Every structure is written in C-alpha cells, then in structure tokens.
C-alpha cells in the first residue's frame, strides 16, 4: 500500500483533523455568514435549499464524527477506512465550498462535489474489487 493509502487508512486521524478544521473554519467565518445559508444546489448550480447558520456550520463536522464512529464500531477493513477517509476529505472540501459560496465567492460547487464523489467511488470500487479477489 502506498503512503497516501496508508495515511487514509488512519481514519481516526483524518476524522479528527477534518472535524477540527471544520469547527475552526466555522468559528472564524461565523460572524460573516448569512443567517440562512445555501446548503443544496440543483444540477444547474442554482441554490435550492437553505438552513439556519448554526445547522449549516455544525452539521458537517457532526456527520464526519458520526462516520468515524461508525467505522470504529463496525468491522471495517483497510479498504473501508480508506474510502471513509476519502469521503471525510470530500465533506471537508464541500463544506469549505459551501462556506465560500455563502460569503459571496463564486465556487463551482456542483462540479467540485461531483468530481470528489467520483474519486470516492473509484476508491470504493478499487478496494471492493481487490477484496473480492482474495
């Protein structure tokens, strides 16, 4: 396994870093964010869902922590942990994009999220294919 995969297999470390980064970023940007934040976009990139600022800022760190706990309490193998870590990193990227969009920065959030999801799916298929051969 290469260095990147070895690092990603340490999903607790990845989760802790992502949660810490999201909480810190949310705290720093909180005063500048609108009271209602766009959190969902349609396929053409138009915001079509909003949430109250506290929920929009705190939901993603909570989701990352929950995914990490689920990976710990289930019988997850190295492939599961690598894919879980990649998904957590994708959630970090998506949350940063959400925060930036809500600050008025033009971020192509839909293509960004789709590209990230593609990477996570490719990793999942790679590890599933590898585990089915053994």
N, C-alpha and C. Protein backbone atom coordinates (compact mmCIF):
# COMPACT_ATOMS: atom_id res chain seq x y z
N UNK A 1 0.85 -1.17 0.00
CA UNK A 1 0.00 0.00 0.00
C UNK A 1 0.91 1.24 0.00
N UNK A 2 0.60 2.21 -0.85
CA UNK A 2 1.44 3.39 -0.92
C UNK A 2 1.20 4.31 0.27
N UNK A 3 2.00 5.37 0.38
CA UNK A 3 1.93 6.26 1.55
C UNK A 3 0.57 6.93 1.72
N UNK A 4 -0.02 7.38 0.60
CA UNK A 4 -1.32 8.04 0.69
C UNK A 4 -2.37 7.07 1.24
N UNK A 5 -2.39 5.85 0.75
CA UNK A 5 -3.37 4.87 1.23
C UNK A 5 -3.11 4.53 2.70
N UNK A 6 -1.84 4.46 3.08
CA UNK A 6 -1.51 4.18 4.48
C UNK A 6 -2.03 5.30 5.38
N UNK A 7 -1.85 6.55 4.93
CA UNK A 7 -2.37 7.69 5.70
C UNK A 7 -3.90 7.64 5.76
N UNK A 8 -4.54 7.40 4.63
CA UNK A 8 -6.00 7.37 4.60
C UNK A 8 -6.56 6.24 5.45
N UNK A 9 -5.81 5.16 5.62
CA UNK A 9 -6.27 4.05 6.46
C UNK A 9 -6.34 4.44 7.93
N UNK A 10 -5.68 5.52 8.29
CA UNK A 10 -5.73 6.03 9.68
C UNK A 10 -6.93 6.97 9.80
N UNK A 11 -8.11 6.42 9.63
CA UNK A 11 -9.32 7.23 9.52
C UNK A 11 -9.63 8.05 10.77
N UNK A 12 -9.26 7.59 11.93
CA UNK A 12 -9.49 8.40 13.15
C UNK A 12 -8.71 9.70 13.09
N UNK A 13 -7.47 9.61 12.63
CA UNK A 13 -6.63 10.79 12.49
C UNK A 13 -7.21 11.75 11.45
N UNK A 14 -7.64 11.21 10.33
CA UNK A 14 -8.26 12.02 9.27
C UNK A 14 -9.52 12.68 9.82
N UNK A 15 -10.36 11.90 10.49
CA UNK A 15 -11.62 12.42 11.02
C UNK A 15 -11.36 13.54 12.03
N UNK A 16 -10.41 13.34 12.92
CA UNK A 16 -10.10 14.36 13.93
C UNK A 16 -9.62 15.65 13.26
N UNK A 17 -8.78 15.51 12.25
CA UNK A 17 -8.28 16.68 11.54
C UNK A 17 -9.37 17.41 10.79
N UNK A 18 -10.25 16.66 10.13
CA UNK A 18 -11.35 17.27 9.38
C UNK A 18 -12.33 17.96 10.32
N UNK A 19 -12.70 17.30 11.40
CA UNK A 19 -13.63 17.92 12.37
C UNK A 19 -13.01 19.19 12.95
N UNK A 20 -11.75 19.12 13.34
CA UNK A 20 -11.09 20.30 13.91
C UNK A 20 -11.03 21.44 12.90
N UNK A 21 -10.67 21.12 11.66
CA UNK A 21 -10.59 22.16 10.62
C UNK A 21 -11.96 22.79 10.36
N UNK A 22 -13.00 21.95 10.30
CA UNK A 22 -14.34 22.48 10.04
C UNK A 22 -14.84 23.34 11.19
N UNK A 23 -14.59 22.92 12.41
CA UNK A 23 -15.03 23.71 13.56
C UNK A 23 -14.28 25.03 13.64
N UNK A 24 -12.97 25.00 13.40
CA UNK A 24 -12.18 26.21 13.43
C UNK A 24 -12.61 27.18 12.32
N UNK A 25 -12.74 26.66 11.12
CA UNK A 25 -13.16 27.49 9.99
C UNK A 25 -14.56 28.07 10.23
N UNK A 26 -15.46 27.24 10.73
CA UNK A 26 -16.81 27.71 11.03
C UNK A 26 -16.82 28.80 12.08
N UNK A 27 -16.00 28.65 13.11
CA UNK A 27 -15.94 29.66 14.17
C UNK A 27 -15.37 30.97 13.65
N UNK A 28 -14.34 30.89 12.83
CA UNK A 28 -13.71 32.10 12.29
C UNK A 28 -14.66 32.84 11.34
N UNK A 29 -15.36 32.10 10.49
CA UNK A 29 -16.22 32.72 9.48
C UNK A 29 -17.63 33.01 9.97
N UNK A 30 -18.02 32.45 11.11
CA UNK A 30 -19.40 32.54 11.59
C UNK A 30 -19.97 33.96 11.57
N UNK A 31 -19.27 34.95 12.08
CA UNK A 31 -19.86 36.30 12.10
C UNK A 31 -20.14 36.86 10.70
N UNK A 32 -19.42 36.42 9.71
CA UNK A 32 -19.57 36.95 8.34
C UNK A 32 -20.61 36.19 7.52
N UNK A 33 -21.08 35.06 8.00
CA UNK A 33 -22.02 34.24 7.24
C UNK A 33 -23.45 34.75 7.40
N UNK A 34 -24.28 34.55 6.38
CA UNK A 34 -25.68 34.98 6.49
C UNK A 34 -26.46 34.10 7.48
N UNK A 35 -27.56 34.61 7.98
CA UNK A 35 -28.39 33.87 8.94
C UNK A 35 -28.95 32.59 8.34
N UNK A 36 -29.33 32.61 7.06
CA UNK A 36 -29.77 31.42 6.33
C UNK A 36 -28.75 31.17 5.25
N UNK A 37 -28.26 29.95 5.20
CA UNK A 37 -27.19 29.61 4.27
C UNK A 37 -27.67 28.61 3.22
N UNK A 38 -27.23 28.82 1.99
CA UNK A 38 -27.46 27.85 0.94
C UNK A 38 -26.67 26.59 1.27
N UNK A 39 -27.34 25.43 1.21
CA UNK A 39 -26.64 24.18 1.51
C UNK A 39 -26.89 23.11 0.45
N UNK A 40 -27.73 23.42 -0.53
CA UNK A 40 -28.01 22.44 -1.58
C UNK A 40 -28.17 23.17 -2.90
N UNK A 41 -27.68 22.53 -3.95
CA UNK A 41 -27.74 23.12 -5.29
C UNK A 41 -28.31 22.10 -6.26
N UNK A 42 -29.03 22.59 -7.27
CA UNK A 42 -29.55 21.68 -8.30
C UNK A 42 -28.46 21.43 -9.33
N UNK A 43 -28.77 20.62 -10.33
CA UNK A 43 -27.78 20.22 -11.32
C UNK A 43 -27.24 21.40 -12.12
N UNK A 44 -28.00 22.47 -12.23
CA UNK A 44 -27.50 23.63 -12.97
C UNK A 44 -26.76 24.62 -12.07
N UNK A 45 -26.53 24.26 -10.82
CA UNK A 45 -25.74 25.08 -9.93
C UNK A 45 -26.50 26.17 -9.20
N UNK A 46 -27.82 26.13 -9.25
CA UNK A 46 -28.64 27.12 -8.54
C UNK A 46 -28.97 26.59 -7.14
N UNK A 47 -28.76 27.45 -6.15
CA UNK A 47 -29.09 27.05 -4.77
C UNK A 47 -30.59 26.80 -4.66
N UNK A 48 -30.94 25.63 -4.10
CA UNK A 48 -32.36 25.30 -3.96
C UNK A 48 -32.70 24.76 -2.58
N UNK A 49 -31.80 24.96 -1.64
CA UNK A 49 -32.07 24.54 -0.26
C UNK A 49 -31.23 25.37 0.70
N UNK A 50 -31.83 25.75 1.82
CA UNK A 50 -31.12 26.55 2.81
C UNK A 50 -31.29 25.95 4.19
N UNK A 51 -30.46 26.41 5.11
CA UNK A 51 -30.56 26.01 6.51
C UNK A 51 -30.12 27.18 7.37
N UNK A 52 -30.55 27.16 8.61
CA UNK A 52 -30.11 28.17 9.56
C UNK A 52 -28.60 28.05 9.74
N UNK A 53 -27.95 29.17 9.96
CA UNK A 53 -26.49 29.22 10.05
C UNK A 53 -25.90 28.19 11.04
N UNK A 54 -26.43 28.06 12.26
CA UNK A 54 -25.81 27.07 13.18
C UNK A 54 -25.85 25.65 12.62
N UNK A 55 -26.94 25.29 11.99
CA UNK A 55 -27.05 23.95 11.41
C UNK A 55 -26.09 23.80 10.23
N UNK A 56 -26.03 24.80 9.38
CA UNK A 56 -25.16 24.75 8.21
C UNK A 56 -23.69 24.67 8.60
N UNK A 57 -23.33 25.26 9.71
CA UNK A 57 -21.93 25.26 10.15
C UNK A 57 -21.58 23.99 10.93
N UNK A 58 -22.51 23.47 11.72
CA UNK A 58 -22.19 22.35 12.61
C UNK A 58 -22.57 20.97 12.08
N UNK A 59 -23.43 20.89 11.09
CA UNK A 59 -23.88 19.58 10.61
C UNK A 59 -22.74 18.76 10.01
N UNK A 60 -21.91 19.39 9.19
CA UNK A 60 -20.85 18.62 8.53
C UNK A 60 -19.82 18.06 9.51
N UNK A 61 -19.34 18.83 10.49
CA UNK A 61 -18.44 18.20 11.47
C UNK A 61 -19.12 17.05 12.21
N UNK A 62 -20.40 17.19 12.51
CA UNK A 62 -21.13 16.11 13.19
C UNK A 62 -21.22 14.87 12.30
N UNK A 63 -21.46 15.07 11.02
CA UNK A 63 -21.54 13.94 10.08
C UNK A 63 -20.19 13.22 10.00
N UNK A 64 -19.12 13.99 9.90
CA UNK A 64 -17.78 13.38 9.83
C UNK A 64 -17.50 12.58 11.10
N UNK A 65 -17.82 13.14 12.25
CA UNK A 65 -17.60 12.42 13.51
C UNK A 65 -18.44 11.14 13.56
N UNK A 66 -19.67 11.21 13.10
CA UNK A 66 -20.54 10.03 13.08
C UNK A 66 -19.99 8.95 12.15
N UNK A 67 -19.53 9.34 10.97
CA UNK A 67 -18.94 8.36 10.04
C UNK A 67 -17.73 7.69 10.69
N UNK A 68 -16.91 8.47 11.38
CA UNK A 68 -15.74 7.91 12.04
C UNK A 68 -16.13 6.91 13.13
N UNK A 69 -17.12 7.27 13.91
CA UNK A 69 -17.60 6.35 14.96
C UNK A 69 -18.14 5.08 14.33
N UNK A 70 -18.92 5.21 13.27
CA UNK A 70 -19.47 4.02 12.60
C UNK A 70 -18.36 3.12 12.06
N UNK A 71 -17.31 3.72 11.50
CA UNK A 71 -16.19 2.91 11.02
C UNK A 71 -15.48 2.21 12.17
N UNK A 72 -15.46 2.83 13.35
CA UNK A 72 -14.82 2.22 14.52
C UNK A 72 -15.63 1.07 15.10
N UNK A 73 -16.94 1.22 15.15
CA UNK A 73 -17.76 0.20 15.82
C UNK A 73 -18.16 -0.95 14.89
N UNK A 74 -17.95 -0.79 13.61
CA UNK A 74 -18.23 -1.88 12.68
C UNK A 74 -16.93 -2.60 12.36
N UNK A 75 -17.05 -3.71 11.71
CA UNK A 75 -15.87 -4.49 11.36
C UNK A 75 -15.31 -3.99 10.03
N UNK A 76 -14.82 -2.75 10.04
CA UNK A 76 -14.33 -2.15 8.79
C UNK A 76 -12.89 -2.58 8.53
N UNK A 77 -12.62 -2.93 7.27
CA UNK A 77 -11.27 -3.30 6.89
C UNK A 77 -10.52 -2.07 6.40
N UNK A 78 -9.30 -2.26 5.95
CA UNK A 78 -8.48 -1.15 5.49
C UNK A 78 -9.15 -0.41 4.35
N UNK A 79 -9.73 -1.13 3.42
CA UNK A 79 -10.41 -0.50 2.29
C UNK A 79 -11.55 0.38 2.75
N UNK A 80 -12.33 -0.10 3.71
CA UNK A 80 -13.43 0.71 4.25
C UNK A 80 -12.91 1.99 4.89
N UNK A 81 -11.82 1.88 5.63
CA UNK A 81 -11.25 3.05 6.29
C UNK A 81 -10.68 4.05 5.27
N UNK A 82 -10.05 3.54 4.23
CA UNK A 82 -9.51 4.43 3.19
C UNK A 82 -10.65 5.18 2.50
N UNK A 83 -11.69 4.45 2.12
CA UNK A 83 -12.83 5.08 1.45
C UNK A 83 -13.53 6.04 2.41
N UNK A 84 -13.67 5.65 3.67
CA UNK A 84 -14.27 6.54 4.66
C UNK A 84 -13.48 7.82 4.83
N UNK A 85 -12.16 7.71 4.88
CA UNK A 85 -11.31 8.89 4.99
C UNK A 85 -11.44 9.78 3.76
N UNK A 86 -11.47 9.17 2.58
CA UNK A 86 -11.63 9.95 1.35
C UNK A 86 -12.97 10.68 1.36
N UNK A 87 -14.01 10.01 1.85
CA UNK A 87 -15.33 10.65 1.93
C UNK A 87 -15.30 11.81 2.93
N UNK A 88 -14.60 11.64 4.03
CA UNK A 88 -14.48 12.72 5.01
C UNK A 88 -13.74 13.92 4.41
N UNK A 89 -12.71 13.65 3.65
CA UNK A 89 -11.98 14.74 3.00
C UNK A 89 -12.86 15.43 1.96
N UNK A 90 -13.69 14.65 1.27
CA UNK A 90 -14.64 15.25 0.33
C UNK A 90 -15.62 16.15 1.09
N UNK A 91 -16.10 15.71 2.24
CA UNK A 91 -17.01 16.54 3.03
C UNK A 91 -16.33 17.83 3.48
N UNK A 92 -15.04 17.76 3.78
CA UNK A 92 -14.29 18.97 4.12
C UNK A 92 -14.29 19.94 2.93
N UNK A 93 -13.97 19.43 1.75
CA UNK A 93 -13.94 20.28 0.55
C UNK A 93 -15.31 20.88 0.27
N UNK A 94 -16.35 20.06 0.38
CA UNK A 94 -17.70 20.55 0.12
C UNK A 94 -18.09 21.62 1.14
N UNK A 95 -17.78 21.40 2.40
CA UNK A 95 -18.14 22.40 3.42
C UNK A 95 -17.37 23.71 3.20
N UNK A 96 -16.12 23.63 2.84
CA UNK A 96 -15.36 24.86 2.54
C UNK A 96 -16.02 25.58 1.36
N UNK A 97 -16.42 24.82 0.35
CA UNK A 97 -17.10 25.43 -0.81
C UNK A 97 -18.42 26.07 -0.39
N UNK A 98 -19.17 25.40 0.46
CA UNK A 98 -20.45 25.95 0.95
C UNK A 98 -20.21 27.26 1.70
N UNK A 99 -19.22 27.26 2.56
CA UNK A 99 -18.91 28.48 3.31
C UNK A 99 -18.51 29.61 2.36
N UNK A 100 -17.67 29.30 1.39
CA UNK A 100 -17.23 30.32 0.43
C UNK A 100 -18.39 30.87 -0.39
N UNK A 101 -19.25 29.98 -0.86
CA UNK A 101 -20.41 30.43 -1.64
C UNK A 101 -21.27 31.37 -0.81
N UNK A 102 -21.46 31.02 0.45
CA UNK A 102 -22.29 31.85 1.33
C UNK A 102 -21.61 33.16 1.72
N UNK A 103 -20.33 33.26 1.45
CA UNK A 103 -19.61 34.52 1.64
C UNK A 103 -19.55 35.34 0.36
N UNK A 104 -20.17 34.80 -0.71
CA UNK A 104 -20.22 35.53 -1.97
C UNK A 104 -19.12 35.18 -2.96
N UNK A 105 -18.32 34.17 -2.65
CA UNK A 105 -17.25 33.74 -3.56
C UNK A 105 -17.85 32.80 -4.60
N UNK A 106 -17.55 33.01 -5.85
CA UNK A 106 -18.06 32.16 -6.91
C UNK A 106 -17.31 30.84 -6.99
N UNK A 107 -17.87 29.82 -6.41
CA UNK A 107 -17.26 28.49 -6.41
C UNK A 107 -18.16 27.56 -7.22
N UNK A 108 -17.60 26.83 -8.17
CA UNK A 108 -18.41 25.88 -8.95
C UNK A 108 -18.70 24.63 -8.10
N UNK A 109 -19.63 24.75 -7.19
CA UNK A 109 -19.82 23.73 -6.16
C UNK A 109 -20.30 22.40 -6.73
N UNK A 110 -21.17 22.42 -7.73
CA UNK A 110 -21.69 21.16 -8.27
C UNK A 110 -20.58 20.36 -8.95
N UNK A 111 -19.82 20.93 -9.89
CA UNK A 111 -18.73 20.15 -10.49
C UNK A 111 -17.68 19.70 -9.47
N UNK A 112 -17.41 20.55 -8.49
CA UNK A 112 -16.45 20.20 -7.45
C UNK A 112 -16.92 18.99 -6.65
N UNK A 113 -18.18 19.01 -6.23
CA UNK A 113 -18.73 17.90 -5.47
C UNK A 113 -18.80 16.62 -6.30
N UNK A 114 -19.18 16.75 -7.56
CA UNK A 114 -19.24 15.58 -8.43
C UNK A 114 -17.87 14.97 -8.68
N UNK A 115 -16.87 15.80 -8.88
CA UNK A 115 -15.50 15.30 -9.08
C UNK A 115 -15.02 14.57 -7.82
N UNK A 116 -15.29 15.15 -6.67
CA UNK A 116 -14.91 14.50 -5.42
C UNK A 116 -15.63 13.19 -5.21
N UNK A 117 -16.91 13.16 -5.51
CA UNK A 117 -17.68 11.92 -5.37
C UNK A 117 -17.14 10.84 -6.32
N UNK A 118 -16.74 11.26 -7.52
CA UNK A 118 -16.16 10.32 -8.47
C UNK A 118 -14.91 9.66 -7.90
N UNK A 119 -14.05 10.45 -7.27
CA UNK A 119 -12.83 9.92 -6.67
C UNK A 119 -13.17 8.91 -5.57
N UNK A 120 -14.13 9.24 -4.73
CA UNK A 120 -14.52 8.33 -3.65
C UNK A 120 -15.08 7.03 -4.22
N UNK A 121 -15.90 7.11 -5.25
CA UNK A 121 -16.47 5.91 -5.87
C UNK A 121 -15.36 5.06 -6.50
N UNK A 122 -14.41 5.70 -7.18
CA UNK A 122 -13.30 4.95 -7.78
C UNK A 122 -12.52 4.21 -6.70
N UNK A 123 -12.24 4.87 -5.58
CA UNK A 123 -11.55 4.20 -4.47
C UNK A 123 -12.37 3.03 -3.94
N UNK A 124 -13.67 3.23 -3.78
CA UNK A 124 -14.53 2.17 -3.26
C UNK A 124 -14.52 0.97 -4.19
N UNK A 125 -14.62 1.22 -5.49
CA UNK A 125 -14.61 0.12 -6.47
C UNK A 125 -13.26 -0.57 -6.44
N UNK A 126 -12.20 0.22 -6.36
CA UNK A 126 -10.85 -0.36 -6.33
C UNK A 126 -10.69 -1.32 -5.16
N UNK A 127 -11.09 -0.87 -3.97
CA UNK A 127 -10.92 -1.72 -2.79
C UNK A 127 -11.91 -2.87 -2.77
N UNK A 128 -13.11 -2.68 -3.29
CA UNK A 128 -14.09 -3.78 -3.34
C UNK A 128 -13.60 -4.85 -4.32
N UNK A 129 -13.08 -4.41 -5.45
CA UNK A 129 -12.54 -5.36 -6.43
C UNK A 129 -11.36 -6.11 -5.85
N UNK A 130 -10.50 -5.40 -5.14
CA UNK A 130 -9.33 -6.02 -4.54
C UNK A 130 -9.75 -7.04 -3.48
N UNK A 131 -10.74 -6.71 -2.64
CA UNK A 131 -11.15 -7.63 -1.57
C UNK A 131 -11.92 -8.83 -2.11
N UNK A 132 -12.60 -8.66 -3.24
CA UNK A 132 -13.36 -9.80 -3.80
C UNK A 132 -12.41 -10.82 -4.46
N UNK A 133 -11.20 -10.41 -4.81
CA UNK A 133 -10.23 -11.32 -5.41
C UNK A 133 -9.58 -12.21 -4.37
N UNK A 134 -9.60 -11.77 -3.11
CA UNK A 134 -8.90 -12.54 -2.07
C UNK A 134 -9.82 -13.49 -1.36
